[in-house]
Every structure is written in C-alpha cells, then in structure tokens.
Amino acid sequence: MKVDDVCVQRSRARILSALNRIDELSERERLVLELLGDGLSNLEVAKTLSIAEPTARTHVTRVLSKLGLGSRLQAGLVGQLERWNRRG
C-alpha cells in the first residue's frame, strides 16, 4: 500500500468519525462549522456572527477539538458534508 493511500484512508476515517460526532457541538459551534464549510476565515466568521475575532477563533478551536479534526480544511469538508446530509 502506498503512503498516499494510507494518508487518504486516515483522512477519510477522521472525517467520517467527525460526522458521527456533530451532535456534540453547540448550536453556535454548528453554525461556525457551516461557515468553515463556506470557506470563511476567522475574521469573516466573526463579522458574520457579530462577535470578536478571538471569540471566533475560540469557536473554531472547540469545533476542531470536539470533532477530532486537525485542520480548518477538514472542518470545512465536514461542514460541507453535513450540509449535504441535511439536504438529503
């Protein structure tokens, strides 16, 4: 098995695990996840939610931690997948 294949499998497993843990997020954290799925920066999240940028950064950190994700990119993918799942 190639190293690239192993990395893809790990990322896929992490994202699927995160999707199963969405219910652990608060309503505000779910909204932040959705905004990450739209590709927004911390500053854009802050402006959208009318909060300070450090508060937005804290929300992003909590989302990553609760979902066991290692990056904003992974969170953005989870946010997009969650939106698609809701639309069914």
PDB file of N, CA and C in Angstrom:
ATOM      1  N   MET A   1       0.845  -1.173   0.000  1.00  0.00           N
ATOM      2  CA  MET A   1       0.000   0.000   0.000  1.00  0.00           C
ATOM      3  C   MET A   1       0.896   1.243   0.000  1.00  0.00           C
ATOM      4  N   LYS A   2       0.554   2.210  -0.824  1.00  0.00           N
ATOM      5  CA  LYS A   2       1.338   3.433  -0.938  1.00  0.00           C
ATOM      6  C   LYS A   2       1.070   4.357   0.252  1.00  0.00           C
ATOM      7  N   VAL A   3       2.046   5.201   0.536  1.00  0.00           N
ATOM      8  CA  VAL A   3       1.915   6.174   1.620  1.00  0.00           C
ATOM      9  C   VAL A   3       0.725   7.091   1.370  1.00  0.00           C
ATOM     10  N   ASP A   4       0.532   7.520   0.124  1.00  0.00           N
ATOM     11  CA  ASP A   4      -0.604   8.385  -0.210  1.00  0.00           C
ATOM     12  C   ASP A   4      -1.934   7.710   0.110  1.00  0.00           C
ATOM     13  N   ASP A   5      -2.034   6.422  -0.162  1.00  0.00           N
ATOM     14  CA  ASP A   5      -3.257   5.681   0.117  1.00  0.00           C
ATOM     15  C   ASP A   5      -3.539   5.633   1.613  1.00  0.00           C
ATOM     16  N   VAL A   6      -2.497   5.455   2.403  1.00  0.00           N
ATOM     17  CA  VAL A   6      -2.650   5.415   3.854  1.00  0.00           C
ATOM     18  C   VAL A   6      -3.131   6.769   4.363  1.00  0.00           C
ATOM     19  N   CYS A   7      -2.555   7.841   3.843  1.00  0.00           N
ATOM     20  CA  CYS A   7      -2.964   9.193   4.251  1.00  0.00           C
ATOM     21  C   CYS A   7      -4.423   9.460   3.894  1.00  0.00           C
ATOM     22  N   VAL A   8      -4.834   9.049   2.718  1.00  0.00           N
ATOM     23  CA  VAL A   8      -6.224   9.241   2.293  1.00  0.00           C
ATOM     24  C   VAL A   8      -7.168   8.453   3.200  1.00  0.00           C
ATOM     25  N   GLN A   9      -6.798   7.218   3.520  1.00  0.00           N
ATOM     26  CA  GLN A   9      -7.640   6.395   4.396  1.00  0.00           C
ATOM     27  C   GLN A   9      -7.767   7.010   5.782  1.00  0.00           C
ATOM     28  N   ARG A  10      -6.675   7.537   6.310  1.00  0.00           N
ATOM     29  CA  ARG A  10      -6.713   8.171   7.633  1.00  0.00           C
ATOM     30  C   ARG A  10      -7.592   9.417   7.619  1.00  0.00           C
ATOM     31  N   SER A  11      -7.441  10.227   6.579  1.00  0.00           N
ATOM     32  CA  SER A  11      -8.264  11.440   6.478  1.00  0.00           C
ATOM     33  C   SER A  11      -9.737  11.083   6.351  1.00  0.00           C
ATOM     34  N   ARG A  12     -10.038  10.088   5.539  1.00  0.00           N
ATOM     35  CA  ARG A  12     -11.424   9.651   5.354  1.00  0.00           C
ATOM     36  C   ARG A  12     -12.001   9.163   6.680  1.00  0.00           C
ATOM     37  N   ALA A  13     -11.231   8.380   7.418  1.00  0.00           N
ATOM     38  CA  ALA A  13     -11.691   7.856   8.708  1.00  0.00           C
ATOM     39  C   ALA A  13     -11.925   8.989   9.700  1.00  0.00           C
ATOM     40  N   ARG A  14     -11.038   9.973   9.716  1.00  0.00           N
ATOM     41  CA  ARG A  14     -11.177  11.108  10.631  1.00  0.00           C
ATOM     42  C   ARG A  14     -12.430  11.921  10.309  1.00  0.00           C
ATOM     43  N   ILE A  15     -12.671  12.132   9.037  1.00  0.00           N
ATOM     44  CA  ILE A  15     -13.840  12.914   8.627  1.00  0.00           C
ATOM     45  C   ILE A  15     -15.128  12.161   8.932  1.00  0.00           C
ATOM     46  N   LEU A  16     -15.159  10.861   8.674  1.00  0.00           N
ATOM     47  CA  LEU A  16     -16.355  10.067   8.990  1.00  0.00           C
ATOM     48  C   LEU A  16     -16.614  10.046  10.497  1.00  0.00           C
ATOM     49  N   SER A  17     -15.560   9.940  11.272  1.00  0.00           N
ATOM     50  CA  SER A  17     -15.697   9.980  12.729  1.00  0.00           C
ATOM     51  C   SER A  17     -16.265  11.326  13.171  1.00  0.00           C
ATOM     52  N   ALA A  18     -15.779  12.397  12.573  1.00  0.00           N
ATOM     53  CA  ALA A  18     -16.268  13.739  12.916  1.00  0.00           C
ATOM     54  C   ALA A  18     -17.751  13.882  12.589  1.00  0.00           C
ATOM     55  N   LEU A  19     -18.174  13.341  11.461  1.00  0.00           N
ATOM     56  CA  LEU A  19     -19.596  13.419  11.092  1.00  0.00           C
ATOM     57  C   LEU A  19     -20.473  12.729  12.135  1.00  0.00           C
ATOM     58  N   ASN A  20     -19.952  11.672  12.731  1.00  0.00           N
ATOM     59  CA  ASN A  20     -20.709  10.957  13.759  1.00  0.00           C
ATOM     60  C   ASN A  20     -20.737  11.691  15.093  1.00  0.00           C
ATOM     61  N   ARG A  21     -19.904  12.737  15.224  1.00  0.00           N
ATOM     62  CA  ARG A  21     -19.828  13.470  16.488  1.00  0.00           C
ATOM     63  C   ARG A  21     -20.420  14.870  16.400  1.00  0.00           C
ATOM     64  N   ILE A  22     -21.077  15.188  15.311  1.00  0.00           N
ATOM     65  CA  ILE A  22     -21.662  16.521  15.115  1.00  0.00           C
ATOM     66  C   ILE A  22     -22.588  16.887  16.275  1.00  0.00           C
ATOM     67  N   ASP A  23     -23.300  15.919  16.814  1.00  0.00           N
ATOM     68  CA  ASP A  23     -24.252  16.199  17.894  1.00  0.00           C
ATOM     69  C   ASP A  23     -23.585  16.730  19.158  1.00  0.00           C
ATOM     70  N   GLU A  24     -22.275  16.567  19.277  1.00  0.00           N
ATOM     71  CA  GLU A  24     -21.547  17.079  20.430  1.00  0.00           C
ATOM     72  C   GLU A  24     -21.355  18.593  20.375  1.00  0.00           C
ATOM     73  N   LEU A  25     -21.593  19.189  19.210  1.00  0.00           N
ATOM     74  CA  LEU A  25     -21.399  20.625  19.040  1.00  0.00           C
ATOM     75  C   LEU A  25     -22.599  21.409  19.542  1.00  0.00           C
ATOM     76  N   SER A  26     -22.304  22.582  20.092  1.00  0.00           N
ATOM     77  CA  SER A  26     -23.385  23.504  20.464  1.00  0.00           C
ATOM     78  C   SER A  26     -23.976  24.086  19.180  1.00  0.00           C
ATOM     79  N   GLU A  27     -25.095  24.746  19.316  1.00  0.00           N
ATOM     80  CA  GLU A  27     -25.735  25.369  18.146  1.00  0.00           C
ATOM     81  C   GLU A  27     -24.781  26.367  17.485  1.00  0.00           C
ATOM     82  N   ARG A  28     -24.081  27.173  18.296  1.00  0.00           N
ATOM     83  CA  ARG A  28     -23.148  28.160  17.765  1.00  0.00           C
ATOM     84  C   ARG A  28     -21.982  27.471  17.062  1.00  0.00           C
ATOM     85  N   GLU A  29     -21.488  26.406  17.638  1.00  0.00           N
ATOM     86  CA  GLU A  29     -20.377  25.678  17.020  1.00  0.00           C
ATOM     87  C   GLU A  29     -20.804  25.042  15.699  1.00  0.00           C
ATOM     88  N   ARG A  30     -22.034  24.589  15.617  1.00  0.00           N
ATOM     89  CA  ARG A  30     -22.537  24.045  14.341  1.00  0.00           C
ATOM     90  C   ARG A  30     -22.580  25.128  13.278  1.00  0.00           C
ATOM     91  N   LEU A  31     -22.983  26.322  13.688  1.00  0.00           N
ATOM     92  CA  LEU A  31     -23.014  27.445  12.751  1.00  0.00           C
ATOM     93  C   LEU A  31     -21.602  27.782  12.282  1.00  0.00           C
ATOM     94  N   VAL A  32     -20.651  27.781  13.209  1.00  0.00           N
ATOM     95  CA  VAL A  32     -19.256  28.027  12.845  1.00  0.00           C
ATOM     96  C   VAL A  32     -18.774  26.949  11.878  1.00  0.00           C
ATOM     97  N   LEU A  33     -19.112  25.698  12.129  1.00  0.00           N
ATOM     98  CA  LEU A  33     -18.738  24.613  11.226  1.00  0.00           C
ATOM     99  C   LEU A  33     -19.304  24.849   9.829  1.00  0.00           C
ATOM    100  N   GLU A  34     -20.541  25.280   9.768  1.00  0.00           N
ATOM    101  CA  GLU A  34     -21.160  25.577   8.475  1.00  0.00           C
ATOM    102  C   GLU A  34     -20.404  26.702   7.757  1.00  0.00           C
ATOM    103  N   LEU A  35     -20.028  27.724   8.507  1.00  0.00           N
ATOM    104  CA  LEU A  35     -19.294  28.843   7.909  1.00  0.00           C
ATOM    105  C   LEU A  35     -17.906  28.410   7.448  1.00  0.00           C
ATOM    106  N   LEU A  36     -17.271  27.505   8.186  1.00  0.00           N
ATOM    107  CA  LEU A  36     -15.997  26.951   7.736  1.00  0.00           C
ATOM    108  C   LEU A  36     -16.195  26.185   6.434  1.00  0.00           C
ATOM    109  N   GLY A  37     -17.332  25.510   6.322  1.00  0.00           N
ATOM    110  CA  GLY A  37     -17.662  24.805   5.091  1.00  0.00           C
ATOM    111  C   GLY A  37     -17.834  25.742   3.909  1.00  0.00           C
ATOM    112  N   ASP A  38     -18.171  26.993   4.215  1.00  0.00           N
ATOM    113  CA  ASP A  38     -18.275  28.019   3.171  1.00  0.00           C
ATOM    114  C   ASP A  38     -16.923  28.658   2.869  1.00  0.00           C
ATOM    115  N   GLY A  39     -15.885  28.242   3.620  1.00  0.00           N
ATOM    116  CA  GLY A  39     -14.547  28.753   3.376  1.00  0.00           C
ATOM    117  C   GLY A  39     -14.215  30.062   4.063  1.00  0.00           C
ATOM    118  N   LEU A  40     -15.011  30.454   5.066  1.00  0.00           N
ATOM    119  CA  LEU A  40     -14.784  31.726   5.728  1.00  0.00           C
ATOM    120  C   LEU A  40     -13.566  31.674   6.653  1.00  0.00           C
ATOM    121  N   SER A  41     -12.878  32.798   6.739  1.00  0.00           N
ATOM    122  CA  SER A  41     -11.753  32.970   7.664  1.00  0.00           C
ATOM    123  C   SER A  41     -12.306  33.278   9.054  1.00  0.00           C
ATOM    124  N   ASN A  42     -11.426  33.301  10.054  1.00  0.00           N
ATOM    125  CA  ASN A  42     -11.869  33.664  11.402  1.00  0.00           C
ATOM    126  C   ASN A  42     -12.487  35.062  11.419  1.00  0.00           C
ATOM    127  N   LEU A  43     -11.871  35.992  10.708  1.00  0.00           N
ATOM    128  CA  LEU A  43     -12.395  37.355  10.665  1.00  0.00           C
ATOM    129  C   LEU A  43     -13.780  37.383  10.011  1.00  0.00           C
ATOM    130  N   GLU A  44     -13.951  36.639   8.938  1.00  0.00           N
ATOM    131  CA  GLU A  44     -15.251  36.593   8.261  1.00  0.00           C
ATOM    132  C   GLU A  44     -16.305  35.921   9.135  1.00  0.00           C
ATOM    133  N   VAL A  45     -15.913  34.864   9.861  1.00  0.00           N
ATOM    134  CA  VAL A  45     -16.832  34.216  10.799  1.00  0.00           C
ATOM    135  C   VAL A  45     -17.255  35.231  11.856  1.00  0.00           C
ATOM    136  N   ALA A  46     -16.278  35.959  12.390  1.00  0.00           N
ATOM    137  CA  ALA A  46     -16.560  36.954  13.427  1.00  0.00           C
ATOM    138  C   ALA A  46     -17.537  38.012  12.921  1.00  0.00           C
ATOM    139  N   LYS A  47     -17.298  38.532  11.732  1.00  0.00           N
ATOM    140  CA  LYS A  47     -18.189  39.555  11.176  1.00  0.00           C
ATOM    141  C   LYS A  47     -19.583  38.995  10.931  1.00  0.00           C
ATOM    142  N   THR A  48     -19.662  37.786  10.414  1.00  0.00           N
ATOM    143  CA  THR A  48     -20.959  37.162  10.126  1.00  0.00           C
ATOM    144  C   THR A  48     -21.776  36.970  11.396  1.00  0.00           C
ATOM    145  N   LEU A  49     -21.106  36.580  12.482  1.00  0.00           N
ATOM    146  CA  LEU A  49     -21.792  36.293  13.744  1.00  0.00           C
ATOM    147  C   LEU A  49     -21.821  37.489  14.699  1.00  0.00           C
ATOM    148  N   SER A  50     -21.245  38.613  14.261  1.00  0.00           N
ATOM    149  CA  SER A  50     -21.165  39.829  15.091  1.00  0.00           C
ATOM    150  C   SER A  50     -20.481  39.547  16.434  1.00  0.00           C
ATOM    151  N   ILE A  51     -19.334  38.891  16.353  1.00  0.00           N
ATOM    152  CA  ILE A  51     -18.527  38.591  17.538  1.00  0.00           C
ATOM    153  C   ILE A  51     -17.099  39.041  17.267  1.00  0.00           C
ATOM    154  N   ALA A  52     -16.294  39.075  18.312  1.00  0.00           N
ATOM    155  CA  ALA A  52     -14.885  39.433  18.157  1.00  0.00           C
ATOM    156  C   ALA A  52     -14.121  38.291  17.491  1.00  0.00           C
ATOM    157  N   GLU A  53     -13.052  38.646  16.770  1.00  0.00           N
ATOM    158  CA  GLU A  53     -12.265  37.616  16.088  1.00  0.00           C
ATOM    159  C   GLU A  53     -11.671  36.593  17.061  1.00  0.00           C
ATOM    160  N   PRO A  54     -11.160  36.996  18.228  1.00  0.00           N
ATOM    161  CA  PRO A  54     -10.671  35.970  19.162  1.00  0.00           C
ATOM    162  C   PRO A  54     -11.764  34.989  19.597  1.00  0.00           C
ATOM    163  N   THR A  55     -12.991  35.459  19.699  1.00  0.00           N
ATOM    164  CA  THR A  55     -14.110  34.572  20.045  1.00  0.00           C
ATOM    165  C   THR A  55     -14.361  33.586  18.911  1.00  0.00           C
ATOM    166  N   ALA A  56     -14.304  34.075  17.684  1.00  0.00           N
ATOM    167  CA  ALA A  56     -14.472  33.188  16.524  1.00  0.00           C
ATOM    168  C   ALA A  56     -13.365  32.140  16.513  1.00  0.00           C
ATOM    169  N   ARG A  57     -12.147  32.569  16.803  1.00  0.00           N
ATOM    170  CA  ARG A  57     -11.007  31.645  16.838  1.00  0.00           C
ATOM    171  C   ARG A  57     -11.230  30.570  17.904  1.00  0.00           C
ATOM    172  N   THR A  58     -11.766  30.976  19.056  1.00  0.00           N
ATOM    173  CA  THR A  58     -12.071  30.018  20.128  1.00  0.00           C
ATOM    174  C   THR A  58     -13.113  29.014  19.673  1.00  0.00           C
ATOM    175  N   HIS A  59     -14.153  29.485  19.004  1.00  0.00           N
ATOM    176  CA  HIS A  59     -15.187  28.576  18.485  1.00  0.00           C
ATOM    177  C   HIS A  59     -14.583  27.568  17.500  1.00  0.00           C
ATOM    178  N   VAL A  60     -13.728  28.053  16.610  1.00  0.00           N
ATOM    179  CA  VAL A  60     -13.093  27.162  15.626  1.00  0.00           C
ATOM    180  C   VAL A  60     -12.247  26.112  16.340  1.00  0.00           C
ATOM    181  N   THR A  61     -11.483  26.539  17.326  1.00  0.00           N
ATOM    182  CA  THR A  61     -10.646  25.606  18.090  1.00  0.00           C
ATOM    183  C   THR A  61     -11.493  24.547  18.771  1.00  0.00           C
ATOM    184  N   ARG A  62     -12.614  24.947  19.341  1.00  0.00           N
ATOM    185  CA  ARG A  62     -13.501  23.985  20.006  1.00  0.00           C
ATOM    186  C   ARG A  62     -14.121  23.013  19.014  1.00  0.00           C
ATOM    187  N   VAL A  63     -14.504  23.507  17.849  1.00  0.00           N
ATOM    188  CA  VAL A  63     -15.062  22.628  16.813  1.00  0.00           C
ATOM    189  C   VAL A  63     -14.027  21.576  16.425  1.00  0.00           C
ATOM    190  N   LEU A  64     -12.802  22.016  16.160  1.00  0.00           N
ATOM    191  CA  LEU A  64     -11.743  21.079  15.776  1.00  0.00           C
ATOM    192  C   LEU A  64     -11.508  20.047  16.872  1.00  0.00           C
ATOM    193  N   SER A  65     -11.476  20.512  18.110  1.00  0.00           N
ATOM    194  CA  SER A  65     -11.226  19.613  19.231  1.00  0.00           C
ATOM    195  C   SER A  65     -12.355  18.608  19.425  1.00  0.00           C
ATOM    196  N   LYS A  66     -13.582  19.088  19.454  1.00  0.00           N
ATOM    197  CA  LYS A  66     -14.723  18.197  19.692  1.00  0.00           C
ATOM    198  C   LYS A  66     -14.889  17.160  18.597  1.00  0.00           C
ATOM    199  N   LEU A  67     -14.546  17.540  17.372  1.00  0.00           N
ATOM    200  CA  LEU A  67     -14.717  16.616  16.250  1.00  0.00           C
ATOM    201  C   LEU A  67     -13.458  15.797  15.966  1.00  0.00           C
ATOM    202  N   GLY A  68     -12.376  16.088  16.690  1.00  0.00           N
ATOM    203  CA  GLY A  68     -11.142  15.339  16.497  1.00  0.00           C
ATOM    204  C   GLY A  68     -10.478  15.614  15.166  1.00  0.00           C
ATOM    205  N   LEU A  69     -10.597  16.842  14.689  1.00  0.00           N
ATOM    206  CA  LEU A  69     -10.038  17.215  13.399  1.00  0.00           C
ATOM    207  C   LEU A  69      -8.732  17.960  13.583  1.00  0.00           C
ATOM    208  N   GLY A  70      -7.869  17.890  12.577  1.00  0.00           N
ATOM    209  CA  GLY A  70      -6.565  18.505  12.677  1.00  0.00           C
ATOM    210  C   GLY A  70      -6.406  19.800  11.918  1.00  0.00           C
ATOM    211  N   SER A  71      -7.420  20.194  11.141  1.00  0.00           N
ATOM    212  CA  SER A  71      -7.258  21.411  10.343  1.00  0.00           C
ATOM    213  C   SER A  71      -8.608  22.031   9.990  1.00  0.00           C
ATOM    214  N   ARG A  72      -8.539  23.291   9.607  1.00  0.00           N
ATOM    215  CA  ARG A  72      -9.722  24.003   9.121  1.00  0.00           C
ATOM    216  C   ARG A  72     -10.243  23.357   7.838  1.00  0.00           C
ATOM    217  N   LEU A  73      -9.318  22.855   7.029  1.00  0.00           N
ATOM    218  CA  LEU A  73      -9.715  22.205   5.773  1.00  0.00           C
ATOM    219  C   LEU A  73     -10.599  21.003   6.066  1.00  0.00           C
ATOM    220  N   GLN A  74     -10.176  20.173   7.013  1.00  0.00           N
ATOM    221  CA  GLN A  74     -11.001  19.020   7.374  1.00  0.00           C
ATOM    222  C   GLN A  74     -12.348  19.480   7.926  1.00  0.00           C
ATOM    223  N   ALA A  75     -12.336  20.524   8.751  1.00  0.00           N
ATOM    224  CA  ALA A  75     -13.590  21.047   9.297  1.00  0.00           C
ATOM    225  C   ALA A  75     -14.485  21.568   8.172  1.00  0.00           C
ATOM    226  N   GLY A  76     -13.883  22.222   7.195  1.00  0.00           N
ATOM    227  CA  GLY A  76     -14.664  22.718   6.057  1.00  0.00           C
ATOM    228  C   GLY A  76     -15.315  21.585   5.283  1.00  0.00           C
ATOM    229  N   LEU A  77     -14.571  20.498   5.085  1.00  0.00           N
ATOM    230  CA  LEU A  77     -15.134  19.330   4.398  1.00  0.00           C
ATOM    231  C   LEU A  77     -16.286  18.726   5.194  1.00  0.00           C
ATOM    232  N   VAL A  78     -16.089  18.616   6.509  1.00  0.00           N
ATOM    233  CA  VAL A  78     -17.150  18.079   7.367  1.00  0.00           C
ATOM    234  C   VAL A  78     -18.366  19.000   7.318  1.00  0.00           C
ATOM    235  N   GLY A  79     -18.136  20.303   7.343  1.00  0.00           N
ATOM    236  CA  GLY A  79     -19.241  21.262   7.255  1.00  0.00           C
ATOM    237  C   GLY A  79     -20.034  21.103   5.969  1.00  0.00           C
ATOM    238  N   GLN A  80     -19.319  20.922   4.861  1.00  0.00           N
ATOM    239  CA  GLN A  80     -19.997  20.718   3.578  1.00  0.00           C
ATOM    240  C   GLN A  80     -20.761  19.400   3.561  1.00  0.00           C
ATOM    241  N   LEU A  81     -20.143  18.332   4.034  1.00  0.00           N
ATOM    242  CA  LEU A  81     -20.807  17.029   4.045  1.00  0.00           C
ATOM    243  C   LEU A  81     -22.047  17.046   4.948  1.00  0.00           C
ATOM    244  N   GLU A  82     -21.948  17.709   6.078  1.00  0.00           N
ATOM    245  CA  GLU A  82     -23.079  17.808   6.990  1.00  0.00           C
ATOM    246  C   GLU A  82     -24.238  18.558   6.321  1.00  0.00           C
ATOM    247  N   ARG A  83     -23.927  19.612   5.627  1.00  0.00           N
ATOM    248  CA  ARG A  83     -24.962  20.381   4.903  1.00  0.00           C
ATOM    249  C   ARG A  83     -25.621  19.499   3.842  1.00  0.00           C
ATOM    250  N   TRP A  84     -24.821  18.746   3.099  1.00  0.00           N
ATOM    251  CA  TRP A  84     -25.378  17.868   2.067  1.00  0.00           C
ATOM    252  C   TRP A  84     -26.246  16.778   2.691  1.00  0.00           C
ATOM    253  N   ASN A  85     -25.811  16.239   3.824  1.00  0.00           N
ATOM    254  CA  ASN A  85     -26.592  15.218   4.516  1.00  0.00           C
ATOM    255  C   ASN A  85     -27.941  15.750   4.970  1.00  0.00           C
ATOM    256  N   ARG A  86     -27.959  16.983   5.468  1.00  0.00           N
ATOM    257  CA  ARG A  86     -29.213  17.587   5.916  1.00  0.00           C
ATOM    258  C   ARG A  86     -30.182  17.809   4.765  1.00  0.00           C
ATOM    259  N   ARG A  87     -29.626  18.136   3.607  1.00  0.00           N
ATOM    260  CA  ARG A  87     -30.480  18.376   2.440  1.00  0.00           C
ATOM    261  C   ARG A  87     -31.017  17.074   1.871  1.00  0.00           C
ATOM    262  N   GLY A  88     -30.287  15.974   2.188  1.00  0.00           N
ATOM    263  CA  GLY A  88     -30.703  14.627   1.820  1.00  0.00           C
ATOM    264  C   GLY A  88     -30.939  14.433   0.399  1.00  0.00           C
TER     265      GLY A  88
END
